Amino acid sequence: MDVPDDSPANCPVCGADYDSVSEHAAGLMVNLLDNERYRRVCFDPVLVDGEARVRFYHHTHEQADSGD
């Protein structure tokens, strides 16, 4: 997992504020069932130097409520 240097101010998927962003080049798993910190994670596929990656934008419960 990498944290991109060029992160946008708002989530490019839903437009809401986000708490953190991570970038993944290989397998991943998502489970937000009963997650105390995050309510939603938006997924944004990107190319980085020609390599496919997926950026995860992690939204807290409050941020997800304000972005819906």
PDB file of N, CA and C in Angstrom:
ATOM      1  N   MET A   1       0.833  -1.175   0.000  1.00  0.00           N
ATOM      2  CA  MET A   1       0.000   0.000   0.000  1.00  0.00           C
ATOM      3  C   MET A   1       0.876   1.236   0.000  1.00  0.00           C
ATOM      4  N   ASP A   2       0.504   2.219  -0.798  1.00  0.00           N
ATOM      5  CA  ASP A   2       1.186   3.505  -0.854  1.00  0.00           C
ATOM      6  C   ASP A   2       0.187   4.613  -0.577  1.00  0.00           C
ATOM      7  N   VAL A   3       0.659   5.733  -0.086  1.00  0.00           N
ATOM      8  CA  VAL A   3      -0.170   6.921   0.075  1.00  0.00           C
ATOM      9  C   VAL A   3       0.276   7.909  -0.995  1.00  0.00           C
ATOM     10  N   PRO A   4      -0.611   8.253  -1.947  1.00  0.00           N
ATOM     11  CA  PRO A   4      -0.217   9.133  -3.046  1.00  0.00           C
ATOM     12  C   PRO A   4       0.059  10.563  -2.588  1.00  0.00           C
ATOM     13  N   ASP A   5       1.077  11.193  -3.205  1.00  0.00           N
ATOM     14  CA  ASP A   5       1.436  12.576  -2.893  1.00  0.00           C
ATOM     15  C   ASP A   5       0.460  13.570  -3.514  1.00  0.00           C
ATOM     16  N   ASP A   6      -0.203  13.164  -4.594  1.00  0.00           N
ATOM     17  CA  ASP A   6      -1.063  14.082  -5.350  1.00  0.00           C
ATOM     18  C   ASP A   6      -2.545  13.891  -5.039  1.00  0.00           C
ATOM     19  N   SER A   7      -2.879  13.662  -3.786  1.00  0.00           N
ATOM     20  CA  SER A   7      -4.262  13.412  -3.389  1.00  0.00           C
ATOM     21  C   SER A   7      -5.112  14.669  -3.585  1.00  0.00           C
ATOM     22  N   PRO A   8      -6.322  14.508  -4.138  1.00  0.00           N
ATOM     23  CA  PRO A   8      -7.202  15.662  -4.318  1.00  0.00           C
ATOM     24  C   PRO A   8      -7.793  16.127  -2.987  1.00  0.00           C
ATOM     25  N   ALA A   9      -8.325  17.336  -2.962  1.00  0.00           N
ATOM     26  CA  ALA A   9      -8.914  17.893  -1.741  1.00  0.00           C
ATOM     27  C   ALA A   9     -10.183  17.143  -1.336  1.00  0.00           C
ATOM     28  N   ASN A  10     -10.973  16.715  -2.317  1.00  0.00           N
ATOM     29  CA  ASN A  10     -12.201  15.959  -2.065  1.00  0.00           C
ATOM     30  C   ASN A  10     -12.145  14.650  -2.829  1.00  0.00           C
ATOM     31  N   CYS A  11     -12.953  13.697  -2.404  1.00  0.00           N
ATOM     32  CA  CYS A  11     -13.013  12.387  -3.048  1.00  0.00           C
ATOM     33  C   CYS A  11     -13.475  12.542  -4.503  1.00  0.00           C
ATOM     34  N   PRO A  12     -12.729  12.004  -5.467  1.00  0.00           N
ATOM     35  CA  PRO A  12     -13.121  12.128  -6.875  1.00  0.00           C
ATOM     36  C   PRO A  12     -14.319  11.259  -7.234  1.00  0.00           C
ATOM     37  N   VAL A  13     -14.697  10.336  -6.373  1.00  0.00           N
ATOM     38  CA  VAL A  13     -15.823   9.441  -6.635  1.00  0.00           C
ATOM     39  C   VAL A  13     -17.142  10.070  -6.184  1.00  0.00           C
ATOM     40  N   CYS A  14     -17.198  10.548  -4.930  1.00  0.00           N
ATOM     41  CA  CYS A  14     -18.458  11.064  -4.379  1.00  0.00           C
ATOM     42  C   CYS A  14     -18.437  12.563  -4.095  1.00  0.00           C
ATOM     43  N   GLY A  15     -17.257  13.193  -4.115  1.00  0.00           N
ATOM     44  CA  GLY A  15     -17.145  14.629  -3.886  1.00  0.00           C
ATOM     45  C   GLY A  15     -17.087  15.052  -2.429  1.00  0.00           C
ATOM     46  N   ALA A  16     -17.213  14.104  -1.502  1.00  0.00           N
ATOM     47  CA  ALA A  16     -17.202  14.432  -0.072  1.00  0.00           C
ATOM     48  C   ALA A  16     -15.776  14.540   0.455  1.00  0.00           C
ATOM     49  N   ASP A  17     -15.642  15.160   1.636  1.00  0.00           N
ATOM     50  CA  ASP A  17     -14.356  15.145   2.338  1.00  0.00           C
ATOM     51  C   ASP A  17     -14.016  13.697   2.675  1.00  0.00           C
ATOM     52  N   TYR A  18     -12.740  13.421   2.882  1.00  0.00           N
ATOM     53  CA  TYR A  18     -12.318  12.082   3.299  1.00  0.00           C
ATOM     54  C   TYR A  18     -11.249  12.202   4.364  1.00  0.00           C
ATOM     55  N   ASP A  19     -11.086  11.140   5.138  1.00  0.00           N
ATOM     56  CA  ASP A  19     -10.132  11.127   6.237  1.00  0.00           C
ATOM     57  C   ASP A  19      -8.734  10.762   5.768  1.00  0.00           C
ATOM     58  N   SER A  20      -8.642   9.776   4.863  1.00  0.00           N
ATOM     59  CA  SER A  20      -7.340   9.342   4.364  1.00  0.00           C
ATOM     60  C   SER A  20      -7.515   8.675   3.010  1.00  0.00           C
ATOM     61  N   VAL A  21      -6.400   8.505   2.306  1.00  0.00           N
ATOM     62  CA  VAL A  21      -6.393   7.823   1.012  1.00  0.00           C
ATOM     63  C   VAL A  21      -5.228   6.853   1.002  1.00  0.00           C
ATOM     64  N   SER A  22      -5.455   5.688   0.385  1.00  0.00           N
ATOM     65  CA  SER A  22      -4.382   4.713   0.213  1.00  0.00           C
ATOM     66  C   SER A  22      -4.424   4.214  -1.222  1.00  0.00           C
ATOM     67  N   GLU A  23      -3.270   3.763  -1.708  1.00  0.00           N
ATOM     68  CA  GLU A  23      -3.164   3.310  -3.098  1.00  0.00           C
ATOM     69  C   GLU A  23      -2.624   1.886  -3.107  1.00  0.00           C
ATOM     70  N   HIS A  24      -3.282   1.015  -3.880  1.00  0.00           N
ATOM     71  CA  HIS A  24      -2.952  -0.407  -3.861  1.00  0.00           C
ATOM     72  C   HIS A  24      -2.654  -0.915  -5.267  1.00  0.00           C
ATOM     73  N   ALA A  25      -1.611  -1.739  -5.401  1.00  0.00           N
ATOM     74  CA  ALA A  25      -1.230  -2.308  -6.691  1.00  0.00           C
ATOM     75  C   ALA A  25      -1.501  -3.802  -6.752  1.00  0.00           C
ATOM     76  N   ALA A  26      -1.824  -4.405  -5.624  1.00  0.00           N
ATOM     77  CA  ALA A  26      -2.046  -5.847  -5.580  1.00  0.00           C
ATOM     78  C   ALA A  26      -3.306  -6.141  -4.781  1.00  0.00           C
ATOM     79  N   GLY A  27      -3.545  -7.400  -4.488  1.00  0.00           N
ATOM     80  CA  GLY A  27      -4.757  -7.846  -3.821  1.00  0.00           C
ATOM     81  C   GLY A  27      -5.134  -7.032  -2.600  1.00  0.00           C
ATOM     82  N   LEU A  28      -6.431  -6.985  -2.362  1.00  0.00           N
ATOM     83  CA  LEU A  28      -6.923  -6.227  -1.236  1.00  0.00           C
ATOM     84  C   LEU A  28      -8.240  -6.810  -0.762  1.00  0.00           C
ATOM     85  N   MET A  29      -8.629  -6.460   0.456  1.00  0.00           N
ATOM     86  CA  MET A  29      -9.886  -6.916   1.021  1.00  0.00           C
ATOM     87  C   MET A  29     -10.533  -5.734   1.728  1.00  0.00           C
ATOM     88  N   VAL A  30     -11.855  -5.651   1.644  1.00  0.00           N
ATOM     89  CA  VAL A  30     -12.590  -4.572   2.294  1.00  0.00           C
ATOM     90  C   VAL A  30     -13.686  -5.179   3.154  1.00  0.00           C
ATOM     91  N   ASN A  31     -13.734  -4.786   4.413  1.00  0.00           N
ATOM     92  CA  ASN A  31     -14.794  -5.202   5.319  1.00  0.00           C
ATOM     93  C   ASN A  31     -15.110  -4.023   6.225  1.00  0.00           C
ATOM     94  N   LEU A  32     -16.237  -3.382   6.017  1.00  0.00           N
ATOM     95  CA  LEU A  32     -16.614  -2.235   6.846  1.00  0.00           C
ATOM     96  C   LEU A  32     -17.744  -2.574   7.809  1.00  0.00           C
ATOM     97  N   LEU A  33     -18.079  -3.827   7.943  1.00  0.00           N
ATOM     98  CA  LEU A  33     -19.130  -4.245   8.835  1.00  0.00           C
ATOM     99  C   LEU A  33     -18.781  -3.846  10.266  1.00  0.00           C
ATOM    100  N   ASP A  34     -19.633  -3.040  10.863  1.00  0.00           N
ATOM    101  CA  ASP A  34     -19.424  -2.582  12.247  1.00  0.00           C
ATOM    102  C   ASP A  34     -18.083  -1.882  12.440  1.00  0.00           C
ATOM    103  N   ASN A  35     -17.644  -1.113  11.448  1.00  0.00           N
ATOM    104  CA  ASN A  35     -16.388  -0.384  11.548  1.00  0.00           C
ATOM    105  C   ASN A  35     -16.614   0.886  12.358  1.00  0.00           C
ATOM    106  N   GLU A  36     -15.875   1.051  13.442  1.00  0.00           N
ATOM    107  CA  GLU A  36     -16.054   2.212  14.315  1.00  0.00           C
ATOM    108  C   GLU A  36     -15.524   3.503  13.704  1.00  0.00           C
ATOM    109  N   ARG A  37     -14.550   3.407  12.808  1.00  0.00           N
ATOM    110  CA  ARG A  37     -13.913   4.615  12.279  1.00  0.00           C
ATOM    111  C   ARG A  37     -14.487   5.046  10.934  1.00  0.00           C
ATOM    112  N   TYR A  38     -14.670   4.102  10.018  1.00  0.00           N
ATOM    113  CA  TYR A  38     -15.104   4.455   8.660  1.00  0.00           C
ATOM    114  C   TYR A  38     -16.473   3.873   8.338  1.00  0.00           C
ATOM    115  N   ARG A  39     -17.264   4.681   7.654  1.00  0.00           N
ATOM    116  CA  ARG A  39     -18.571   4.213   7.193  1.00  0.00           C
ATOM    117  C   ARG A  39     -18.519   3.794   5.739  1.00  0.00           C
ATOM    118  N   ARG A  40     -17.699   4.502   4.952  1.00  0.00           N
ATOM    119  CA  ARG A  40     -17.663   4.227   3.512  1.00  0.00           C
ATOM    120  C   ARG A  40     -16.235   4.355   3.007  1.00  0.00           C
ATOM    121  N   VAL A  41     -15.915   3.539   1.996  1.00  0.00           N
ATOM    122  CA  VAL A  41     -14.658   3.659   1.267  1.00  0.00           C
ATOM    123  C   VAL A  41     -15.019   3.714  -0.215  1.00  0.00           C
ATOM    124  N   CYS A  42     -14.585   4.761  -0.897  1.00  0.00           N
ATOM    125  CA  CYS A  42     -14.797   4.880  -2.338  1.00  0.00           C
ATOM    126  C   CYS A  42     -13.555   4.360  -3.050  1.00  0.00           C
ATOM    127  N   PHE A  43     -13.753   3.703  -4.187  1.00  0.00           N
ATOM    128  CA  PHE A  43     -12.659   3.105  -4.948  1.00  0.00           C
ATOM    129  C   PHE A  43     -12.496   3.858  -6.262  1.00  0.00           C
ATOM    130  N   ASP A  44     -11.270   4.277  -6.571  1.00  0.00           N
ATOM    131  CA  ASP A  44     -10.992   5.023  -7.794  1.00  0.00           C
ATOM    132  C   ASP A  44      -9.826   4.353  -8.527  1.00  0.00           C
ATOM    133  N   PRO A  45     -10.094   3.660  -9.651  1.00  0.00           N
ATOM    134  CA  PRO A  45      -8.989   3.053 -10.412  1.00  0.00           C
ATOM    135  C   PRO A  45      -8.182   4.146 -11.117  1.00  0.00           C
ATOM    136  N   VAL A  46      -6.861   4.057 -11.055  1.00  0.00           N
ATOM    137  CA  VAL A  46      -5.966   5.051 -11.664  1.00  0.00           C
ATOM    138  C   VAL A  46      -4.780   4.344 -12.320  1.00  0.00           C
ATOM    139  N   LEU A  47      -4.099   5.061 -13.192  1.00  0.00           N
ATOM    140  CA  LEU A  47      -2.823   4.609 -13.746  1.00  0.00           C
ATOM    141  C   LEU A  47      -1.714   5.438 -13.120  1.00  0.00           C
ATOM    142  N   VAL A  48      -0.681   4.771 -12.629  1.00  0.00           N
ATOM    143  CA  VAL A  48       0.481   5.444 -12.055  1.00  0.00           C
ATOM    144  C   VAL A  48       1.698   4.937 -12.804  1.00  0.00           C
ATOM    145  N   ASP A  49       2.313   5.802 -13.594  1.00  0.00           N
ATOM    146  CA  ASP A  49       3.454   5.405 -14.429  1.00  0.00           C
ATOM    147  C   ASP A  49       3.119   4.184 -15.273  1.00  0.00           C
ATOM    148  N   GLY A  50       1.888   4.161 -15.816  1.00  0.00           N
ATOM    149  CA  GLY A  50       1.455   3.076 -16.685  1.00  0.00           C
ATOM    150  C   GLY A  50       1.013   1.810 -15.965  1.00  0.00           C
ATOM    151  N   GLU A  51       1.028   1.823 -14.633  1.00  0.00           N
ATOM    152  CA  GLU A  51       0.633   0.653 -13.843  1.00  0.00           C
ATOM    153  C   GLU A  51      -0.746   0.888 -13.222  1.00  0.00           C
ATOM    154  N   ALA A  52      -1.624  -0.113 -13.341  1.00  0.00           N
ATOM    155  CA  ALA A  52      -2.962  -0.003 -12.767  1.00  0.00           C
ATOM    156  C   ALA A  52      -2.901  -0.046 -11.246  1.00  0.00           C
ATOM    157  N   ARG A  53      -3.592   0.874 -10.622  1.00  0.00           N
ATOM    158  CA  ARG A  53      -3.697   0.937  -9.168  1.00  0.00           C
ATOM    159  C   ARG A  53      -5.147   1.237  -8.795  1.00  0.00           C
ATOM    160  N   VAL A  54      -5.481   1.036  -7.543  1.00  0.00           N
ATOM    161  CA  VAL A  54      -6.786   1.416  -7.018  1.00  0.00           C
ATOM    162  C   VAL A  54      -6.543   2.294  -5.796  1.00  0.00           C
ATOM    163  N   ARG A  55      -7.141   3.480  -5.813  1.00  0.00           N
ATOM    164  CA  ARG A  55      -7.056   4.368  -4.657  1.00  0.00           C
ATOM    165  C   ARG A  55      -8.318   4.218  -3.831  1.00  0.00           C
ATOM    166  N   PHE A  56      -8.127   4.083  -2.529  1.00  0.00           N
ATOM    167  CA  PHE A  56      -9.238   3.965  -1.574  1.00  0.00           C
ATOM    168  C   PHE A  56      -9.356   5.307  -0.847  1.00  0.00           C
ATOM    169  N   TYR A  57     -10.532   5.881  -0.868  1.00  0.00           N
ATOM    170  CA  TYR A  57     -10.811   7.113  -0.132  1.00  0.00           C
ATOM    171  C   TYR A  57     -11.680   6.735   1.065  1.00  0.00           C
ATOM    172  N   HIS A  58     -11.121   6.881   2.264  1.00  0.00           N
ATOM    173  CA  HIS A  58     -11.752   6.425   3.500  1.00  0.00           C
ATOM    174  C   HIS A  58     -12.550   7.564   4.118  1.00  0.00           C
ATOM    175  N   HIS A  59     -13.870   7.355   4.266  1.00  0.00           N
ATOM    176  CA  HIS A  59     -14.769   8.367   4.814  1.00  0.00           C
ATOM    177  C   HIS A  59     -15.228   7.970   6.209  1.00  0.00           C
ATOM    178  N   THR A  60     -15.100   8.894   7.157  1.00  0.00           N
ATOM    179  CA  THR A  60     -15.627   8.659   8.494  1.00  0.00           C
ATOM    180  C   THR A  60     -17.155   8.648   8.426  1.00  0.00           C
ATOM    181  N   HIS A  61     -17.790   8.260   9.499  1.00  0.00           N
ATOM    182  CA  HIS A  61     -19.263   8.250   9.549  1.00  0.00           C
ATOM    183  C   HIS A  61     -19.809   9.654   9.282  1.00  0.00           C
ATOM    184  N   GLU A  62     -19.212  10.660   9.897  1.00  0.00           N
ATOM    185  CA  GLU A  62     -19.660  12.036   9.715  1.00  0.00           C
ATOM    186  C   GLU A  62     -19.462  12.499   8.267  1.00  0.00           C
ATOM    187  N   GLN A  63     -18.326  12.213   7.680  1.00  0.00           N
ATOM    188  CA  GLN A  63     -18.065  12.620   6.293  1.00  0.00           C
ATOM    189  C   GLN A  63     -19.005  11.921   5.326  1.00  0.00           C
ATOM    190  N   ALA A  64     -19.300  10.665   5.550  1.00  0.00           N
ATOM    191  CA  ALA A  64     -20.197   9.918   4.669  1.00  0.00           C
ATOM    192  C   ALA A  64     -21.612  10.483   4.771  1.00  0.00           C
ATOM    193  N   ASP A  65     -22.039  10.867   5.960  1.00  0.00           N
ATOM    194  CA  ASP A  65     -23.361  11.459   6.131  1.00  0.00           C
ATOM    195  C   ASP A  65     -23.475  12.791   5.400  1.00  0.00           C
ATOM    196  N   SER A  66     -22.395  13.589   5.417  1.00  0.00           N
ATOM    197  CA  SER A  66     -22.440  14.908   4.773  1.00  0.00           C
ATOM    198  C   SER A  66     -22.304  14.809   3.260  1.00  0.00           C
ATOM    199  N   GLY A  67     -21.775  13.700   2.748  1.00  0.00           N
ATOM    200  CA  GLY A  67     -21.563  13.562   1.310  1.00  0.00           C
ATOM    201  C   GLY A  67     -22.674  12.865   0.579  1.00  0.00           C
ATOM    202  N   ASP A  68     -23.660  12.328   1.300  1.00  0.00           N
ATOM    203  CA  ASP A  68     -24.760  11.601   0.643  1.00  0.00           C
ATOM    204  C   ASP A  68     -25.805  12.537   0.119  1.00  0.00           C
TER     205      ASP A  68
END
